[in-house]
Amino acid sequence: MRRIIMHWSAGNYFPSDFEKKFYHYLFDKEGNLHYGKYKPEDNLNCSDGAYAKHCGGGNTGSIGVALCAMGGYTSPENVGYAPITKIQLESMLAYCAALCIRYKINPRYCMTHYEFGMLYPKTSSHGKIDITYLPCYPNVKTCEVGDFLRQKIKWYILKFTNSAK
């Protein structure tokens, strides 16, 4: 595995069976982990069609994690009926850190779906808006979200590796 793509589901606070087809790991409102239909290793070779299709143009070698949230989101002024919760976000970031350790992924290769689309504008991921706003951290600007998330992942990695000593 070479990267982690972070998403919001644009739905309710709990994963549906439909959403589980697209992401490897999903986090509900309370921060509980739910497993998707596919394992990350299924995305090492996507030619057979049996993989988590979470990032158009970037599924191969990518782990898809999602916050079950942001249904009805249109803007920071209208976050919809299921805004991201702090415990949910922190649970996802801690798990991303554990995945980085397990798969030896450098945290700089943890990115939002939005960032992937900006980096690869000729893919179907271009124009995606997850994750561009954090209701639980409203002062973080869109252009800062990815770096903010990566810094938190790095913090969790340090916490985990120092506690293992």
C-alpha atoms as a PDB file:
ATOM      1  CA  MET A   1       0.000   0.000   0.000  1.00  0.00           C
ATOM      2  CA  ARG A   2       1.388   3.405  -0.869  1.00  0.00           C
ATOM      3  CA  ARG A   3      -1.137   5.991   0.326  1.00  0.00           C
ATOM      4  CA  ILE A   4      -4.262   6.689   2.351  1.00  0.00           C
ATOM      5  CA  ILE A   5      -7.128   8.707   0.908  1.00  0.00           C
ATOM      6  CA  MET A   6      -9.415  10.341   3.494  1.00  0.00           C
ATOM      7  CA  HIS A   7     -13.073  10.961   2.683  1.00  0.00           C
ATOM      8  CA  TRP A   8     -16.395  11.978   4.102  1.00  0.00           C
ATOM      9  CA  SER A   9     -19.284   9.802   2.982  1.00  0.00           C
ATOM     10  CA  ALA A  10     -21.692  12.706   2.332  1.00  0.00           C
ATOM     11  CA  GLY A  11     -24.286  10.649   4.176  1.00  0.00           C
ATOM     12  CA  ASN A  12     -25.534   9.760   7.635  1.00  0.00           C
ATOM     13  CA  TYR A  13     -23.548   9.109  10.806  1.00  0.00           C
ATOM     14  CA  PHE A  14     -23.522   5.329  10.369  1.00  0.00           C
ATOM     15  CA  PRO A  15     -22.291   3.381   7.346  1.00  0.00           C
ATOM     16  CA  SER A  16     -24.718   1.761   4.970  1.00  0.00           C
ATOM     17  CA  ASP A  17     -24.014  -1.512   3.189  1.00  0.00           C
ATOM     18  CA  PHE A  18     -23.726   0.559   0.011  1.00  0.00           C
ATOM     19  CA  GLU A  19     -20.970   2.767   1.508  1.00  0.00           C
ATOM     20  CA  LYS A  20     -19.085  -0.291   2.766  1.00  0.00           C
ATOM     21  CA  LYS A  21     -18.491  -1.271  -0.883  1.00  0.00           C
ATOM     22  CA  PHE A  22     -16.411   1.856  -1.467  1.00  0.00           C
ATOM     23  CA  TYR A  23     -14.238   2.304   1.620  1.00  0.00           C
ATOM     24  CA  HIS A  24     -11.961  -0.036   3.561  1.00  0.00           C
ATOM     25  CA  TYR A  25     -12.659   1.619   6.905  1.00  0.00           C
ATOM     26  CA  LEU A  26     -15.496   3.880   8.035  1.00  0.00           C
ATOM     27  CA  PHE A  27     -15.971   5.844  11.249  1.00  0.00           C
ATOM     28  CA  ASP A  28     -19.376   6.581  12.727  1.00  0.00           C
ATOM     29  CA  LYS A  29     -20.484   9.584  14.806  1.00  0.00           C
ATOM     30  CA  GLU A  30     -19.088   8.084  18.026  1.00  0.00           C
ATOM     31  CA  GLY A  31     -15.728   7.249  16.456  1.00  0.00           C
ATOM     32  CA  ASN A  32     -16.433   3.525  16.158  1.00  0.00           C
ATOM     33  CA  LEU A  33     -14.641   1.690  13.369  1.00  0.00           C
ATOM     34  CA  HIS A  34     -16.619  -0.221  10.721  1.00  0.00           C
ATOM     35  CA  TYR A  35     -15.022  -2.446   8.107  1.00  0.00           C
ATOM     36  CA  GLY A  36     -15.785  -2.149   4.434  1.00  0.00           C
ATOM     37  CA  LYS A  37     -16.406  -5.060   2.092  1.00  0.00           C
ATOM     38  CA  TYR A  38     -12.824  -5.092   0.788  1.00  0.00           C
ATOM     39  CA  LYS A  39      -9.429  -5.328   2.485  1.00  0.00           C
ATOM     40  CA  PRO A  40      -6.734  -2.790   1.586  1.00  0.00           C
ATOM     41  CA  GLU A  41      -4.776  -5.544  -0.197  1.00  0.00           C
ATOM     42  CA  ASP A  42      -7.673  -5.899  -2.650  1.00  0.00           C
ATOM     43  CA  ASN A  43      -6.601  -2.496  -3.997  1.00  0.00           C
ATOM     44  CA  LEU A  44      -3.099  -3.641  -4.894  1.00  0.00           C
ATOM     45  CA  ASN A  45      -4.464  -4.906  -8.209  1.00  0.00           C
ATOM     46  CA  CYS A  46      -7.687  -3.318  -9.372  1.00  0.00           C
ATOM     47  CA  SER A  47      -7.883  -5.073 -12.736  1.00  0.00           C
ATOM     48  CA  ASP A  48     -10.265  -7.753 -11.420  1.00  0.00           C
ATOM     49  CA  GLY A  49     -12.934  -5.239 -10.341  1.00  0.00           C
ATOM     50  CA  ALA A  50     -13.036  -6.614  -6.779  1.00  0.00           C
ATOM     51  CA  TYR A  51     -11.713  -3.628  -4.831  1.00  0.00           C
ATOM     52  CA  ALA A  52     -12.881  -0.552  -2.928  1.00  0.00           C
ATOM     53  CA  LYS A  53     -13.668   2.086  -5.560  1.00  0.00           C
ATOM     54  CA  HIS A  54     -13.212   5.183  -3.393  1.00  0.00           C
ATOM     55  CA  CYS A  55     -10.930   7.403  -5.483  1.00  0.00           C
ATOM     56  CA  GLY A  56     -11.393   7.659  -9.245  1.00  0.00           C
ATOM     57  CA  GLY A  57      -7.983   7.447 -10.860  1.00  0.00           C
ATOM     58  CA  GLY A  58      -6.262   6.627  -7.582  1.00  0.00           C
ATOM     59  CA  ASN A  59      -7.571   3.352  -6.222  1.00  0.00           C
ATOM     60  CA  THR A  60      -4.551   1.164  -6.957  1.00  0.00           C
ATOM     61  CA  GLY A  61      -2.384   0.949  -3.860  1.00  0.00           C
ATOM     62  CA  SER A  62      -4.658   3.296  -1.908  1.00  0.00           C
ATOM     63  CA  ILE A  63      -6.448   2.671   1.368  1.00  0.00           C
ATOM     64  CA  GLY A  64      -9.827   4.411   1.566  1.00  0.00           C
ATOM     65  CA  VAL A  65     -10.959   5.689   4.962  1.00  0.00           C
ATOM     66  CA  ALA A  66     -14.188   7.611   5.438  1.00  0.00           C
ATOM     67  CA  LEU A  67     -15.995   9.649   8.031  1.00  0.00           C
ATOM     68  CA  CYS A  68     -19.690   8.773   7.986  1.00  0.00           C
ATOM     69  CA  ALA A  69     -20.810  12.368   7.873  1.00  0.00           C
ATOM     70  CA  MET A  70     -21.542  15.555   5.963  1.00  0.00           C
ATOM     71  CA  GLY A  71     -24.851  14.559   4.394  1.00  0.00           C
ATOM     72  CA  GLY A  72     -26.507  17.696   3.052  1.00  0.00           C
ATOM     73  CA  TYR A  73     -23.315  19.770   3.211  1.00  0.00           C
ATOM     74  CA  THR A  74     -23.308  22.728   0.833  1.00  0.00           C
ATOM     75  CA  SER A  75     -20.923  25.173   2.515  1.00  0.00           C
ATOM     76  CA  PRO A  76     -19.305  26.016   5.871  1.00  0.00           C
ATOM     77  CA  GLU A  77     -22.466  27.991   6.611  1.00  0.00           C
ATOM     78  CA  ASN A  78     -24.665  24.943   5.855  1.00  0.00           C
ATOM     79  CA  VAL A  79     -22.905  21.801   7.113  1.00  0.00           C
ATOM     80  CA  GLY A  80     -25.953  19.621   6.597  1.00  0.00           C
ATOM     81  CA  TYR A  81     -27.580  17.125   8.924  1.00  0.00           C
ATOM     82  CA  ALA A  82     -24.496  15.104   9.896  1.00  0.00           C
ATOM     83  CA  PRO A  83     -21.454  17.334  10.511  1.00  0.00           C
ATOM     84  CA  ILE A  84     -18.157  15.628  11.333  1.00  0.00           C
ATOM     85  CA  THR A  85     -17.718  15.150  15.083  1.00  0.00           C
ATOM     86  CA  LYS A  86     -14.401  15.654  16.843  1.00  0.00           C
ATOM     87  CA  ILE A  87     -14.318  12.126  18.300  1.00  0.00           C
ATOM     88  CA  GLN A  88     -15.049  10.693  14.863  1.00  0.00           C
ATOM     89  CA  LEU A  89     -12.273  12.691  13.227  1.00  0.00           C
ATOM     90  CA  GLU A  90      -9.732  11.894  15.934  1.00  0.00           C
ATOM     91  CA  SER A  91     -10.581   8.171  15.748  1.00  0.00           C
ATOM     92  CA  MET A  92     -10.034   8.196  12.000  1.00  0.00           C
ATOM     93  CA  LEU A  93      -6.714  10.037  12.306  1.00  0.00           C
ATOM     94  CA  ALA A  94      -5.453   7.669  15.011  1.00  0.00           C
ATOM     95  CA  TYR A  95      -6.394   4.735  12.795  1.00  0.00           C
ATOM     96  CA  CYS A  96      -4.648   6.334   9.812  1.00  0.00           C
ATOM     97  CA  ALA A  97      -1.519   6.570  11.982  1.00  0.00           C
ATOM     98  CA  ALA A  98      -1.806   2.867  12.817  1.00  0.00           C
ATOM     99  CA  LEU A  99      -2.211   2.087   9.104  1.00  0.00           C
ATOM    100  CA  CYS A 100       0.888   4.173   8.312  1.00  0.00           C
ATOM    101  CA  ILE A 101       2.853   2.126  10.822  1.00  0.00           C
ATOM    102  CA  ARG A 102       1.440  -1.210   9.645  1.00  0.00           C
ATOM    103  CA  TYR A 103       1.946  -0.576   5.922  1.00  0.00           C
ATOM    104  CA  LYS A 104       5.049   1.641   6.246  1.00  0.00           C
ATOM    105  CA  ILE A 105       3.285   4.590   4.599  1.00  0.00           C
ATOM    106  CA  ASN A 106       4.890   7.993   5.025  1.00  0.00           C
ATOM    107  CA  PRO A 107       2.211  10.371   6.412  1.00  0.00           C
ATOM    108  CA  ARG A 108       2.912  12.786   3.551  1.00  0.00           C
ATOM    109  CA  TYR A 109       1.060  10.224   1.407  1.00  0.00           C
ATOM    110  CA  CYS A 110      -2.089  10.607   3.490  1.00  0.00           C
ATOM    111  CA  MET A 111      -4.350  12.986   1.613  1.00  0.00           C
ATOM    112  CA  THR A 112      -7.934  14.043   1.278  1.00  0.00           C
ATOM    113  CA  HIS A 113      -9.981  13.073  -1.751  1.00  0.00           C
ATOM    114  CA  TYR A 114     -10.060  16.781  -2.600  1.00  0.00           C
ATOM    115  CA  GLU A 115      -6.244  16.968  -2.570  1.00  0.00           C
ATOM    116  CA  PHE A 116      -5.942  13.886  -4.767  1.00  0.00           C
ATOM    117  CA  GLY A 117      -8.293  15.450  -7.303  1.00  0.00           C
ATOM    118  CA  MET A 118      -6.332  18.695  -7.282  1.00  0.00           C
ATOM    119  CA  LEU A 119      -3.069  16.784  -7.754  1.00  0.00           C
ATOM    120  CA  TYR A 120      -4.524  14.692 -10.595  1.00  0.00           C
ATOM    121  CA  PRO A 121      -6.973  16.966 -12.450  1.00  0.00           C
ATOM    122  CA  LYS A 122      -7.530  14.519 -15.332  1.00  0.00           C
ATOM    123  CA  THR A 123      -9.110  11.928 -13.011  1.00  0.00           C
ATOM    124  CA  SER A 124     -12.747  11.606 -11.961  1.00  0.00           C
ATOM    125  CA  SER A 125     -11.627  12.633  -8.468  1.00  0.00           C
ATOM    126  CA  HIS A 126     -11.073  16.184  -9.701  1.00  0.00           C
ATOM    127  CA  GLY A 127     -13.713  18.467  -8.208  1.00  0.00           C
ATOM    128  CA  LYS A 128     -14.422  16.312  -5.134  1.00  0.00           C
ATOM    129  CA  ILE A 129     -14.872  18.371  -1.973  1.00  0.00           C
ATOM    130  CA  ASP A 130     -14.114  15.795   0.695  1.00  0.00           C
ATOM    131  CA  ILE A 131     -12.476  16.781   2.950  1.00  0.00           C
ATOM    132  CA  THR A 132     -12.439  20.576   2.583  1.00  0.00           C
ATOM    133  CA  TYR A 133     -14.115  21.676   5.800  1.00  0.00           C
ATOM    134  CA  LEU A 134     -13.949  20.481   9.402  1.00  0.00           C
ATOM    135  CA  PRO A 135     -16.987  21.640  11.412  1.00  0.00           C
ATOM    136  CA  CYS A 136     -15.235  20.555  14.636  1.00  0.00           C
ATOM    137  CA  TYR A 137     -12.246  22.767  13.724  1.00  0.00           C
ATOM    138  CA  PRO A 138     -13.946  25.689  11.936  1.00  0.00           C
ATOM    139  CA  ASN A 139     -10.850  27.916  11.887  1.00  0.00           C
ATOM    140  CA  VAL A 140      -8.938  25.524   9.635  1.00  0.00           C
ATOM    141  CA  LYS A 141      -9.164  26.899   6.091  1.00  0.00           C
ATOM    142  CA  THR A 142      -9.766  24.683   3.059  1.00  0.00           C
ATOM    143  CA  CYS A 143      -6.173  25.145   1.902  1.00  0.00           C
ATOM    144  CA  GLU A 144      -4.944  24.012   5.352  1.00  0.00           C
ATOM    145  CA  VAL A 145      -7.141  20.952   5.961  1.00  0.00           C
ATOM    146  CA  GLY A 146      -4.788  18.364   4.446  1.00  0.00           C
ATOM    147  CA  ASP A 147      -1.736  19.644   6.316  1.00  0.00           C
ATOM    148  CA  PHE A 148      -3.763  19.860   9.531  1.00  0.00           C
ATOM    149  CA  LEU A 149      -4.835  16.216   9.180  1.00  0.00           C
ATOM    150  CA  ARG A 150      -1.302  15.040   8.317  1.00  0.00           C
ATOM    151  CA  GLN A 151       0.118  16.839  11.363  1.00  0.00           C
ATOM    152  CA  LYS A 152      -2.377  15.058  13.594  1.00  0.00           C
ATOM    153  CA  ILE A 153      -1.529  11.706  11.978  1.00  0.00           C
ATOM    154  CA  LYS A 154       2.176  12.374  12.624  1.00  0.00           C
ATOM    155  CA  TRP A 155       1.357  13.189  16.253  1.00  0.00           C
ATOM    156  CA  TYR A 156      -0.488   9.890  16.658  1.00  0.00           C
ATOM    157  CA  ILE A 157       2.398   7.993  15.040  1.00  0.00           C
ATOM    158  CA  LEU A 158       4.801   9.517  17.577  1.00  0.00           C
ATOM    159  CA  LYS A 159       2.407   8.720  20.405  1.00  0.00           C
ATOM    160  CA  PHE A 160       2.073   5.083  19.301  1.00  0.00           C
ATOM    161  CA  THR A 161       5.762   4.514  18.641  1.00  0.00           C
ATOM    162  CA  ASN A 162       6.851   6.166  21.900  1.00  0.00           C
ATOM    163  CA  SER A 163       4.370   4.139  23.936  1.00  0.00           C
ATOM    164  CA  ALA A 164       5.660   0.936  22.351  1.00  0.00           C
ATOM    165  CA  LYS A 165       9.167   1.572  23.720  1.00  0.00           C
END
